[in-house]
PDB file of N, CA and C in Angstrom:
ATOM      1  N   UNK A   1     -14.904  24.220  91.083  1.00  0.00           N
ATOM      2  CA  UNK A   1     -15.973  24.119  90.806  1.00  0.00           C
ATOM      3  C   UNK A   1     -17.083  24.730  91.128  1.00  0.00           C
ATOM      4  N   UNK A   2     -18.247  25.021  90.255  1.00  0.00           N
ATOM      5  CA  UNK A   2     -19.131  25.790  90.244  1.00  0.00           C
ATOM      6  C   UNK A   2     -20.685  24.958  90.607  1.00  0.00           C
ATOM      7  N   UNK A   3     -20.840  25.887  91.160  1.00  0.00           N
ATOM      8  CA  UNK A   3     -22.345  25.547  91.499  1.00  0.00           C
ATOM      9  C   UNK A   3     -23.944  26.821  91.151  1.00  0.00           C
ATOM     10  N   UNK A   4     -25.057  26.397  90.571  1.00  0.00           N
ATOM     11  CA  UNK A   4     -25.929  26.788  89.535  1.00  0.00           C
ATOM     12  C   UNK A   4     -27.171  27.104  90.290  1.00  0.00           C
ATOM     13  N   UNK A   5     -28.062  27.721  89.851  1.00  0.00           N
ATOM     14  CA  UNK A   5     -29.590  28.283  90.570  1.00  0.00           C
ATOM     15  C   UNK A   5     -30.205  29.043  89.714  1.00  0.00           C
ATOM     16  N   UNK A   6     -31.267  28.505  88.941  1.00  0.00           N
ATOM     17  CA  UNK A   6     -32.019  29.060  87.961  1.00  0.00           C
ATOM     18  C   UNK A   6     -33.680  29.433  88.539  1.00  0.00           C
ATOM     19  N   UNK A   7     -33.960  30.830  88.174  1.00  0.00           N
ATOM     20  CA  UNK A   7     -35.269  31.224  88.544  1.00  0.00           C
ATOM     21  C   UNK A   7     -35.799  31.429  87.642  1.00  0.00           C
ATOM     22  N   UNK A   8     -37.327  30.953  87.236  1.00  0.00           N
ATOM     23  CA  UNK A   8     -37.898  31.434  85.831  1.00  0.00           C
ATOM     24  C   UNK A   8     -39.246  31.838  85.801  1.00  0.00           C
ATOM     25  N   UNK A   9     -39.463  32.800  85.257  1.00  0.00           N
ATOM     26  CA  UNK A   9     -41.050  33.430  85.493  1.00  0.00           C
ATOM     27  C   UNK A   9     -41.333  34.209  86.507  1.00  0.00           C
ATOM     28  N   UNK A  10     -40.201  34.610  87.235  1.00  0.00           N
ATOM     29  CA  UNK A  10     -40.959  35.634  88.512  1.00  0.00           C
ATOM     30  C   UNK A  10     -41.211  37.101  88.515  1.00  0.00           C
ATOM     31  N   UNK A  11     -42.496  37.015  88.874  1.00  0.00           N
ATOM     32  CA  UNK A  11     -43.288  38.422  88.501  1.00  0.00           C
ATOM     33  C   UNK A  11     -42.564  39.429  89.452  1.00  0.00           C
ATOM     34  N   UNK A  12     -41.594  39.364  88.789  1.00  0.00           N
ATOM     35  CA  UNK A  12     -40.851  41.444  89.080  1.00  0.00           C
ATOM     36  C   UNK A  12     -40.158  41.647  87.881  1.00  0.00           C
ATOM     37  N   UNK A  13     -40.035  43.156  87.444  1.00  0.00           N
ATOM     38  CA  UNK A  13     -39.482  43.449  86.528  1.00  0.00           C
ATOM     39  C   UNK A  13     -38.129  43.608  86.151  1.00  0.00           C
ATOM     40  N   UNK A  14     -37.467  43.324  85.235  1.00  0.00           N
ATOM     41  CA  UNK A  14     -35.937  43.025  84.893  1.00  0.00           C
ATOM     42  C   UNK A  14     -34.947  43.868  85.348  1.00  0.00           C
ATOM     43  N   UNK A  15     -35.740  45.309  85.505  1.00  0.00           N
ATOM     44  CA  UNK A  15     -35.250  46.567  86.036  1.00  0.00           C
ATOM     45  C   UNK A  15     -34.830  46.669  87.004  1.00  0.00           C
ATOM     46  N   UNK A  16     -36.145  46.356  87.968  1.00  0.00           N
ATOM     47  CA  UNK A  16     -36.019  46.222  89.602  1.00  0.00           C
ATOM     48  C   UNK A  16     -34.944  45.708  90.293  1.00  0.00           C
ATOM     49  N   UNK A  17     -34.805  44.233  88.954  1.00  0.00           N
ATOM     50  CA  UNK A  17     -34.313  43.003  90.097  1.00  0.00           C
ATOM     51  C   UNK A  17     -32.515  43.005  89.885  1.00  0.00           C
ATOM     52  N   UNK A  18     -32.212  43.876  88.730  1.00  0.00           N
ATOM     53  CA  UNK A  18     -31.260  44.096  88.425  1.00  0.00           C
ATOM     54  C   UNK A  18     -30.378  45.090  89.378  1.00  0.00           C
ATOM     55  N   UNK A  19     -31.265  46.044  89.865  1.00  0.00           N
ATOM     56  CA  UNK A  19     -30.725  47.302  91.000  1.00  0.00           C
ATOM     57  C   UNK A  19     -29.799  46.104  91.885  1.00  0.00           C
ATOM     58  N   UNK A  20     -30.789  45.285  92.125  1.00  0.00           N
ATOM     59  CA  UNK A  20     -30.333  44.083  93.644  1.00  0.00           C
ATOM     60  C   UNK A  20     -28.868  43.430  92.935  1.00  0.00           C
ATOM     61  N   UNK A  21     -29.449  42.841  91.903  1.00  0.00           N
ATOM     62  CA  UNK A  21     -28.535  41.669  91.321  1.00  0.00           C
ATOM     63  C   UNK A  21     -26.912  42.464  91.281  1.00  0.00           C
ATOM     64  N   UNK A  22     -26.719  43.893  90.865  1.00  0.00           N
ATOM     65  CA  UNK A  22     -25.206  44.376  90.806  1.00  0.00           C
ATOM     66  C   UNK A  22     -24.926  44.704  92.236  1.00  0.00           C
ATOM     67  N   UNK A  23     -26.066  44.548  93.299  1.00  0.00           N
ATOM     68  CA  UNK A  23     -25.144  44.639  94.714  1.00  0.00           C
ATOM     69  C   UNK A  23     -24.597  43.704  95.326  1.00  0.00           C
ATOM     70  N   UNK A  24     -25.001  42.523  94.572  1.00  0.00           N
ATOM     71  CA  UNK A  24     -24.228  41.348  95.247  1.00  0.00           C
ATOM     72  C   UNK A  24     -22.966  40.797  94.305  1.00  0.00           C
ATOM     73  N   UNK A  25     -23.468  41.233  93.362  1.00  0.00           N
ATOM     74  CA  UNK A  25     -22.001  40.086  92.375  1.00  0.00           C
ATOM     75  C   UNK A  25     -20.394  40.638  92.859  1.00  0.00           C
ATOM     76  N   UNK A  26     -19.588  39.458  92.782  1.00  0.00           N
ATOM     77  CA  UNK A  26     -18.676  39.475  93.118  1.00  0.00           C
ATOM     78  C   UNK A  26     -18.368  39.244  94.459  1.00  0.00           C
ATOM     79  N   UNK A  27     -19.390  39.238  95.563  1.00  0.00           N
ATOM     80  CA  UNK A  27     -19.029  38.914  96.772  1.00  0.00           C
ATOM     81  C   UNK A  27     -19.502  37.323  97.430  1.00  0.00           C
ATOM     82  N   UNK A  28     -18.707  37.615  98.568  1.00  0.00           N
ATOM     83  CA  UNK A  28     -18.624  36.024  99.517  1.00  0.00           C
ATOM     84  C   UNK A  28     -20.383  35.571  99.381  1.00  0.00           C
ATOM     85  N   UNK A  29     -20.999  34.391  98.936  1.00  0.00           N
ATOM     86  CA  UNK A  29     -22.101  33.813  99.094  1.00  0.00           C
ATOM     87  C   UNK A  29     -22.959  34.515 100.705  1.00  0.00           C
ATOM     88  N   UNK A  30     -22.135  34.087 101.845  1.00  0.00           N
ATOM     89  CA  UNK A  30     -22.199  34.293 102.930  1.00  0.00           C
ATOM     90  C   UNK A  30     -22.964  36.065 103.073  1.00  0.00           C
ATOM     91  N   UNK A  31     -21.924  36.870 103.065  1.00  0.00           N
ATOM     92  CA  UNK A  31     -21.527  38.253 102.795  1.00  0.00           C
ATOM     93  C   UNK A  31     -23.230  38.629 102.027  1.00  0.00           C
ATOM     94  N   UNK A  32     -23.176  38.018 100.808  1.00  0.00           N
ATOM     95  CA  UNK A  32     -24.322  38.539 100.058  1.00  0.00           C
ATOM     96  C   UNK A  32     -25.516  38.368 100.663  1.00  0.00           C
ATOM     97  N   UNK A  33     -25.611  37.007 101.256  1.00  0.00           N
ATOM     98  CA  UNK A  33     -27.227  36.747 101.279  1.00  0.00           C
ATOM     99  C   UNK A  33     -27.421  37.454 102.698  1.00  0.00           C
ATOM    100  N   UNK A  34     -26.399  37.708 103.906  1.00  0.00           N
ATOM    101  CA  UNK A  34     -26.534  38.761 104.530  1.00  0.00           C
ATOM    102  C   UNK A  34     -27.145  40.414 104.675  1.00  0.00           C
ATOM    103  N   UNK A  35     -26.333  40.651 103.443  1.00  0.00           N
ATOM    104  CA  UNK A  35     -26.954  42.142 102.781  1.00  0.00           C
ATOM    105  C   UNK A  35     -28.194  42.159 102.484  1.00  0.00           C
ATOM    106  N   UNK A  36     -28.614  40.499 101.633  1.00  0.00           N
ATOM    107  CA  UNK A  36     -29.885  40.933 101.273  1.00  0.00           C
ATOM    108  C   UNK A  36     -31.277  40.629 102.367  1.00  0.00           C
ATOM    109  N   UNK A  37     -30.567  40.526 103.195  1.00  0.00           N
ATOM    110  CA  UNK A  37     -31.587  39.768 104.401  1.00  0.00           C
ATOM    111  C   UNK A  37     -32.440  41.055 104.978  1.00  0.00           C
ATOM    112  N   UNK A  38     -31.216  42.331 105.018  1.00  0.00           N
ATOM    113  CA  UNK A  38     -31.573  43.538 105.489  1.00  0.00           C
ATOM    114  C   UNK A  38     -32.047  44.871 104.467  1.00  0.00           C
ATOM    115  N   UNK A  39     -32.105  44.249 103.510  1.00  0.00           N
ATOM    116  CA  UNK A  39     -32.592  44.996 102.369  1.00  0.00           C
ATOM    117  C   UNK A  39     -34.330  45.383 101.785  1.00  0.00           C
ATOM    118  N   UNK A  40     -34.700  46.456 101.980  1.00  0.00           N
ATOM    119  CA  UNK A  40     -35.787  46.562 101.762  1.00  0.00           C
ATOM    120  C   UNK A  40     -36.700  46.836 100.663  1.00  0.00           C
ATOM    121  N   UNK A  41     -36.366  45.635  99.651  1.00  0.00           N
ATOM    122  CA  UNK A  41     -36.596  45.576  98.494  1.00  0.00           C
ATOM    123  C   UNK A  41     -37.148  44.132  97.975  1.00  0.00           C
ATOM    124  N   UNK A  42     -38.245  43.854  97.295  1.00  0.00           N
ATOM    125  CA  UNK A  42     -38.717  42.805  96.651  1.00  0.00           C
ATOM    126  C   UNK A  42     -37.850  42.042  96.269  1.00  0.00           C
ATOM    127  N   UNK A  43     -36.978  42.523  95.385  1.00  0.00           N
ATOM    128  CA  UNK A  43     -36.027  41.667  94.728  1.00  0.00           C
ATOM    129  C   UNK A  43     -35.103  40.781  95.285  1.00  0.00           C
ATOM    130  N   UNK A  44     -35.129  41.698  96.632  1.00  0.00           N
ATOM    131  CA  UNK A  44     -33.840  41.242  97.660  1.00  0.00           C
ATOM    132  C   UNK A  44     -34.157  39.926  98.286  1.00  0.00           C
ATOM    133  N   UNK A  45     -35.681  39.647  98.972  1.00  0.00           N
ATOM    134  CA  UNK A  45     -36.039  38.553  99.446  1.00  0.00           C
ATOM    135  C   UNK A  45     -35.921  37.340  98.479  1.00  0.00           C
ATOM    136  N   UNK A  46     -36.121  38.128  97.005  1.00  0.00           N
ATOM    137  CA  UNK A  46     -36.515  36.566  95.242  1.00  0.00           C
ATOM    138  C   UNK A  46     -34.436  36.185  95.746  1.00  0.00           C
ATOM    139  N   UNK A  47     -33.945  37.410  95.416  1.00  0.00           N
ATOM    140  CA  UNK A  47     -32.410  36.773  95.262  1.00  0.00           C
ATOM    141  C   UNK A  47     -31.651  35.938  96.280  1.00  0.00           C
ATOM    142  N   UNK A  48     -32.100  36.641  97.287  1.00  0.00           N
ATOM    143  CA  UNK A  48     -31.719  36.043  98.445  1.00  0.00           C
ATOM    144  C   UNK A  48     -32.027  34.117  98.373  1.00  0.00           C
ATOM    145  N   UNK A  49     -33.349  34.084  98.482  1.00  0.00           N
ATOM    146  CA  UNK A  49     -33.834  32.630  98.419  1.00  0.00           C
ATOM    147  C   UNK A  49     -33.289  31.961  97.278  1.00  0.00           C
ATOM    148  N   UNK A  50     -33.188  32.633  96.316  1.00  0.00           N
ATOM    149  CA  UNK A  50     -32.179  32.182  94.924  1.00  0.00           C
ATOM    150  C   UNK A  50     -30.224  31.602  95.633  1.00  0.00           C
ATOM    151  N   UNK A  51     -29.800  32.857  96.393  1.00  0.00           N
ATOM    152  CA  UNK A  51     -28.995  32.341  96.471  1.00  0.00           C
ATOM    153  C   UNK A  51     -28.533  31.254  97.207  1.00  0.00           C
ATOM    154  N   UNK A  52     -29.411  31.161  98.327  1.00  0.00           N
ATOM    155  CA  UNK A  52     -29.343  29.836  99.217  1.00  0.00           C
ATOM    156  C   UNK A  52     -29.665  28.910  99.005  1.00  0.00           C
ATOM    157  N   UNK A  53     -30.502  29.121  97.358  1.00  0.00           N
ATOM    158  CA  UNK A  53     -30.647  27.910  96.867  1.00  0.00           C
ATOM    159  C   UNK A  53     -29.343  27.053  96.036  1.00  0.00           C
ATOM    160  N   UNK A  54     -28.808  28.366  95.549  1.00  0.00           N
ATOM    161  CA  UNK A  54     -27.297  27.899  94.737  1.00  0.00           C
ATOM    162  C   UNK A  54     -26.539  26.980  95.879  1.00  0.00           C
ATOM    163  N   UNK A  55     -26.157  27.546  97.150  1.00  0.00           N
ATOM    164  CA  UNK A  55     -25.373  27.019  98.345  1.00  0.00           C
ATOM    165  C   UNK A  55     -26.042  25.770  98.408  1.00  0.00           C
ATOM    166  N   UNK A  56     -27.669  25.351  98.443  1.00  0.00           N
ATOM    167  CA  UNK A  56     -27.816  24.195  98.675  1.00  0.00           C
ATOM    168  C   UNK A  56     -27.064  23.494  97.792  1.00  0.00           C
ATOM    169  N   UNK A  57     -27.442  23.663  96.229  1.00  0.00           N
ATOM    170  CA  UNK A  57     -26.867  22.747  95.346  1.00  0.00           C
ATOM    171  C   UNK A  57     -25.365  22.527  95.658  1.00  0.00           C
ATOM    172  N   UNK A  58     -24.713  23.336  95.832  1.00  0.00           N
ATOM    173  CA  UNK A  58     -22.948  23.716  95.895  1.00  0.00           C
ATOM    174  C   UNK A  58     -22.656  22.439  97.530  1.00  0.00           C
ATOM    175  N   UNK A  59     -23.484  22.599  98.316  1.00  0.00           N
ATOM    176  CA  UNK A  59     -23.504  21.257  99.016  1.00  0.00           C
ATOM    177  C   UNK A  59     -23.915  19.887  99.064  1.00  0.00           C
ATOM    178  N   UNK A  60     -24.294  19.547  97.765  1.00  0.00           N
ATOM    179  CA  UNK A  60     -24.424  18.531  97.457  1.00  0.00           C
ATOM    180  C   UNK A  60     -23.307  17.851  96.978  1.00  0.00           C
ATOM    181  N   UNK A  61     -22.555  18.733  96.199  1.00  0.00           N
ATOM    182  CA  UNK A  61     -21.181  17.900  95.895  1.00  0.00           C
ATOM    183  C   UNK A  61     -19.883  18.358  96.686  1.00  0.00           C
ATOM    184  N   UNK A  62     -19.218  17.045  97.193  1.00  0.00           N
ATOM    185  CA  UNK A  62     -18.362  16.639  97.995  1.00  0.00           C
ATOM    186  C   UNK A  62     -17.118  17.441  97.375  1.00  0.00           C
ATOM    187  N   UNK A  63     -16.880  17.590  96.849  1.00  0.00           N
ATOM    188  CA  UNK A  63     -15.636  18.262  96.291  1.00  0.00           C
ATOM    189  C   UNK A  63     -15.884  20.194  96.709  1.00  0.00           C
ATOM    190  N   UNK A  64     -16.853  20.968  96.824  1.00  0.00           N
ATOM    191  CA  UNK A  64     -17.048  22.033  96.806  1.00  0.00           C
ATOM    192  C   UNK A  64     -17.180  22.283  98.472  1.00  0.00           C
ATOM    193  N   UNK A  65     -16.421  23.182  98.900  1.00  0.00           N
ATOM    194  CA  UNK A  65     -16.299  23.982  99.909  1.00  0.00           C
ATOM    195  C   UNK A  65     -16.945  24.867 100.192  1.00  0.00           C
ATOM    196  N   UNK A  66     -18.247  25.004 100.906  1.00  0.00           N
ATOM    197  CA  UNK A  66     -18.938  26.082 100.984  1.00  0.00           C
ATOM    198  C   UNK A  66     -19.020  27.255 101.746  1.00  0.00           C
ATOM    199  N   UNK A  67     -17.845  26.828 102.566  1.00  0.00           N
ATOM    200  CA  UNK A  67     -17.520  28.641 103.213  1.00  0.00           C
ATOM    201  C   UNK A  67     -16.684  29.212 101.983  1.00  0.00           C
ATOM    202  N   UNK A  68     -16.002  28.814 101.277  1.00  0.00           N
ATOM    203  CA  UNK A  68     -15.472  29.855 100.403  1.00  0.00           C
ATOM    204  C   UNK A  68     -16.378  30.193  98.833  1.00  0.00           C
ATOM    205  N   UNK A  69     -17.483  29.787  98.643  1.00  0.00           N
ATOM    206  CA  UNK A  69     -18.193  30.140  97.705  1.00  0.00           C
ATOM    207  C   UNK A  69     -17.695  31.549  97.366  1.00  0.00           C
ATOM    208  N   UNK A  70     -18.360  32.295  96.461  1.00  0.00           N
ATOM    209  CA  UNK A  70     -18.440  33.773  95.995  1.00  0.00           C
ATOM    210  C   UNK A  70     -19.325  34.191  94.817  1.00  0.00           C
ATOM    211  N   UNK A  71     -20.052  35.363  94.514  1.00  0.00           N
ATOM    212  CA  UNK A  71     -21.047  35.050  93.467  1.00  0.00           C
ATOM    213  C   UNK A  71     -20.355  35.706  92.007  1.00  0.00           C
ATOM    214  N   UNK A  72     -19.803  34.334  91.825  1.00  0.00           N
ATOM    215  CA  UNK A  72     -19.240  34.712  90.340  1.00  0.00           C
ATOM    216  C   UNK A  72     -19.968  35.262  89.140  1.00  0.00           C
ATOM    217  N   UNK A  73     -21.196  35.078  88.962  1.00  0.00           N
ATOM    218  CA  UNK A  73     -21.872  35.551  87.946  1.00  0.00           C
ATOM    219  C   UNK A  73     -23.306  35.569  88.161  1.00  0.00           C
ATOM    220  N   UNK A  74     -24.023  36.939  88.545  1.00  0.00           N
ATOM    221  CA  UNK A  74     -25.510  36.839  88.776  1.00  0.00           C
ATOM    222  C   UNK A  74     -26.095  38.010  87.459  1.00  0.00           C
ATOM    223  N   UNK A  75     -26.940  37.432  86.556  1.00  0.00           N
ATOM    224  CA  UNK A  75     -27.384  38.089  85.618  1.00  0.00           C
ATOM    225  C   UNK A  75     -29.210  38.034  85.665  1.00  0.00           C
ATOM    226  N   UNK A  76     -30.246  39.123  85.000  1.00  0.00           N
ATOM    227  CA  UNK A  76     -31.691  38.663  85.261  1.00  0.00           C
ATOM    228  C   UNK A  76     -31.734  39.213  84.158  1.00  0.00           C
ATOM    229  N   UNK A  77     -32.488  38.437  83.140  1.00  0.00           N
ATOM    230  CA  UNK A  77     -33.336  38.556  81.966  1.00  0.00           C
ATOM    231  C   UNK A  77     -34.699  38.788  81.984  1.00  0.00           C
ATOM    232  N   UNK A  78     -35.487  38.925  80.966  1.00  0.00           N
ATOM    233  CA  UNK A  78     -36.374  39.497  80.998  1.00  0.00           C
ATOM    234  C   UNK A  78     -37.471  38.047  80.184  1.00  0.00           C
ATOM    235  N   UNK A  79     -38.379  37.724  81.161  1.00  0.00           N
ATOM    236  CA  UNK A  79     -38.967  36.659  81.046  1.00  0.00           C
ATOM    237  C   UNK A  79     -40.342  37.342  80.052  1.00  0.00           C
ATOM    238  N   UNK A  80     -41.425  36.023  80.195  1.00  0.00           N
ATOM    239  CA  UNK A  80     -42.604  36.575  79.542  1.00  0.00           C
ATOM    240  C   UNK A  80     -43.265  37.900  80.213  1.00  0.00           C
ATOM    241  N   UNK A  81     -43.959  38.776  79.220  1.00  0.00           N
ATOM    242  CA  UNK A  81     -44.889  39.824  79.710  1.00  0.00           C
ATOM    243  C   UNK A  81     -46.162  39.404  79.574  1.00  0.00           C
ATOM    244  N   UNK A  82     -46.909  39.589  80.545  1.00  0.00           N
ATOM    245  CA  UNK A  82     -48.683  40.008  80.779  1.00  0.00           C
ATOM    246  C   UNK A  82     -48.793  41.119  80.166  1.00  0.00           C
ATOM    247  N   UNK A  83     -49.851  41.090  79.184  1.00  0.00           N
ATOM    248  CA  UNK A  83     -50.475  42.177  78.705  1.00  0.00           C
ATOM    249  C   UNK A  83     -52.186  42.716  79.191  1.00  0.00           C
ATOM    250  N   UNK A  84     -51.908  44.120  79.704  1.00  0.00           N
ATOM    251  CA  UNK A  84     -53.646  43.889  80.037  1.00  0.00           C
ATOM    252  C   UNK A  84     -53.950  45.424  79.559  1.00  0.00           C
ATOM    253  N   UNK A  85     -55.233  45.586  79.775  1.00  0.00           N
ATOM    254  CA  UNK A  85     -55.856  46.829  78.739  1.00  0.00           C
ATOM    255  C   UNK A  85     -56.603  47.201  80.232  1.00  0.00           C
ATOM    256  N   UNK A  86     -56.117  48.501  80.306  1.00  0.00           N
ATOM    257  CA  UNK A  86     -56.724  49.715  81.127  1.00  0.00           C
ATOM    258  C   UNK A  86     -57.958  50.697  80.572  1.00  0.00           C
ATOM    259  N   UNK A  87     -59.156  50.992  80.952  1.00  0.00           N
ATOM    260  CA  UNK A  87     -59.904  51.824  80.019  1.00  0.00           C
ATOM    261  C   UNK A  87     -60.227  53.616  80.553  1.00  0.00           C
ATOM    262  N   UNK A  88     -59.674  53.937  79.072  1.00  0.00           N
ATOM    263  CA  UNK A  88     -59.088  55.442  79.534  1.00  0.00           C
ATOM    264  C   UNK A  88     -60.527  55.979  79.045  1.00  0.00           C
ATOM    265  N   UNK A  89     -60.198  57.621  78.838  1.00  0.00           N
ATOM    266  CA  UNK A  89     -61.166  58.511  78.512  1.00  0.00           C
ATOM    267  C   UNK A  89     -62.185  58.303  76.866  1.00  0.00           C
ATOM    268  N   UNK A  90     -62.800  58.742  76.800  1.00  0.00           N
ATOM    269  CA  UNK A  90     -63.708  58.446  75.063  1.00  0.00           C
ATOM    270  C   UNK A  90     -63.240  57.230  74.732  1.00  0.00           C
ATOM    271  N   UNK A  91     -63.648  56.303  75.582  1.00  0.00           N
ATOM    272  CA  UNK A  91     -63.373  54.593  75.064  1.00  0.00           C
ATOM    273  C   UNK A  91     -62.347  54.346  74.600  1.00  0.00           C
ATOM    274  N   UNK A  92     -61.387  54.697  74.766  1.00  0.00           N
ATOM    275  CA  UNK A  92     -59.794  54.367  74.208  1.00  0.00           C
ATOM    276  C   UNK A  92     -59.305  53.447  75.708  1.00  0.00           C
ATOM    277  N   UNK A  93     -58.289  52.442  75.508  1.00  0.00           N
ATOM    278  CA  UNK A  93     -57.638  52.125  76.601  1.00  0.00           C
ATOM    279  C   UNK A  93     -55.924  51.599  76.427  1.00  0.00           C
ATOM    280  N   UNK A  94     -55.480  51.766  77.519  1.00  0.00           N
ATOM    281  CA  UNK A  94     -53.845  51.967  77.330  1.00  0.00           C
ATOM    282  C   UNK A  94     -53.652  50.418  77.936  1.00  0.00           C
ATOM    283  N   UNK A  95     -52.343  49.973  77.249  1.00  0.00           N
ATOM    284  CA  UNK A  95     -52.044  48.894  77.922  1.00  0.00           C
ATOM    285  C   UNK A  95     -51.325  48.966  78.969  1.00  0.00           C
ATOM    286  N   UNK A  96     -51.176  47.920  79.838  1.00  0.00           N
ATOM    287  CA  UNK A  96     -50.758  47.766  80.930  1.00  0.00           C
ATOM    288  C   UNK A  96     -49.709  46.787  80.730  1.00  0.00           C
ATOM    289  N   UNK A  97     -48.049  46.723  80.933  1.00  0.00           N
ATOM    290  CA  UNK A  97     -47.051  45.631  80.777  1.00  0.00           C
ATOM    291  C   UNK A  97     -46.802  45.297  81.896  1.00  0.00           C
ATOM    292  N   UNK A  98     -46.931  43.712  82.452  1.00  0.00           N
ATOM    293  CA  UNK A  98     -46.660  43.390  83.713  1.00  0.00           C
ATOM    294  C   UNK A  98     -45.611  42.160  83.606  1.00  0.00           C
ATOM    295  N   UNK A  99     -44.678  42.494  83.721  1.00  0.00           N
ATOM    296  CA  UNK A  99     -43.033  41.841  83.263  1.00  0.00           C
ATOM    297  C   UNK A  99     -42.620  40.996  84.165  1.00  0.00           C
ATOM    298  N   UNK A 100     -41.910  39.807  83.703  1.00  0.00           N
ATOM    299  CA  UNK A 100     -41.657  38.777  84.659  1.00  0.00           C
ATOM    300  C   UNK A 100     -39.728  38.652  84.166  1.00  0.00           C
ATOM    301  N   UNK A 101     -39.258  38.284  85.264  1.00  0.00           N
ATOM    302  CA  UNK A 101     -37.816  37.942  85.006  1.00  0.00           C
ATOM    303  C   UNK A 101     -37.163  36.725  85.132  1.00  0.00           C
ATOM    304  N   UNK A 102     -36.074  35.940  84.355  1.00  0.00           N
ATOM    305  CA  UNK A 102     -35.605  34.871  84.375  1.00  0.00           C
ATOM    306  C   UNK A 102     -34.072  35.287  85.340  1.00  0.00           C
ATOM    307  N   UNK A 103     -34.210  34.827  86.313  1.00  0.00           N
ATOM    308  CA  UNK A 103     -32.781  35.321  87.081  1.00  0.00           C
ATOM    309  C   UNK A 103     -31.838  33.773  87.038  1.00  0.00           C
ATOM    310  N   UNK A 104     -30.509  33.983  87.016  1.00  0.00           N
ATOM    311  CA  UNK A 104     -29.516  32.742  87.052  1.00  0.00           C
ATOM    312  C   UNK A 104     -28.440  33.613  87.980  1.00  0.00           C
ATOM    313  N   UNK A 105     -28.158  32.658  88.602  1.00  0.00           N
ATOM    314  CA  UNK A 105     -26.669  32.686  90.165  1.00  0.00           C
ATOM    315  C   UNK A 105     -25.960  31.346  89.649  1.00  0.00           C
ATOM    316  N   UNK A 106     -24.457  31.779  89.256  1.00  0.00           N
ATOM    317  CA  UNK A 106     -23.768  30.735  89.533  1.00  0.00           C
ATOM    318  C   UNK A 106     -22.726  31.198  90.692  1.00  0.00           C
ATOM    319  N   UNK A 107     -22.195  30.532  91.549  1.00  0.00           N
ATOM    320  CA  UNK A 107     -21.432  30.500  92.757  1.00  0.00           C
ATOM    321  C   UNK A 107     -19.982  29.843  91.922  1.00  0.00           C
ATOM    322  N   UNK A 108     -19.067  29.830  92.783  1.00  0.00           N
ATOM    323  CA  UNK A 108     -17.718  29.426  92.082  1.00  0.00           C
ATOM    324  C   UNK A 108     -17.176  29.328  93.849  1.00  0.00           C
ATOM    325  N   UNK A 109     -15.559  28.928  93.701  1.00  0.00           N
ATOM    326  CA  UNK A 109     -14.401  28.972  94.987  1.00  0.00           C
ATOM    327  C   UNK A 109     -13.626  29.614  94.581  1.00  0.00           C
ATOM    328  N   UNK A 110     -13.444  30.510  95.963  1.00  0.00           N
ATOM    329  CA  UNK A 110     -12.377  31.140  95.612  1.00  0.00           C
ATOM    330  C   UNK A 110     -10.626  30.548  95.797  1.00  0.00           C
TER     331      UNK A 110
END
């Protein structure tokens, strides 16, 4: 049985979130949460909360034993991008892209 949690539109770039997602892919859910708790990255806190949400979703299903869950799939897709302008020299402007992400976690029993 699978348990799933999705976070849409979080304000972190997909490139930065994928660095953390790659570290927990394939690990036990408890071990992954513990590793993320002590990681000094912004994405670690976001993904840890999402993993905890997926475990809580799994606990609602009587057929799933939450002690045997592992991270089957975790992927980070690009979300919408906020476009801002920054003044530059000689009356010009440059674009600032504030990227967002959609993060999906799927847990499965071993």
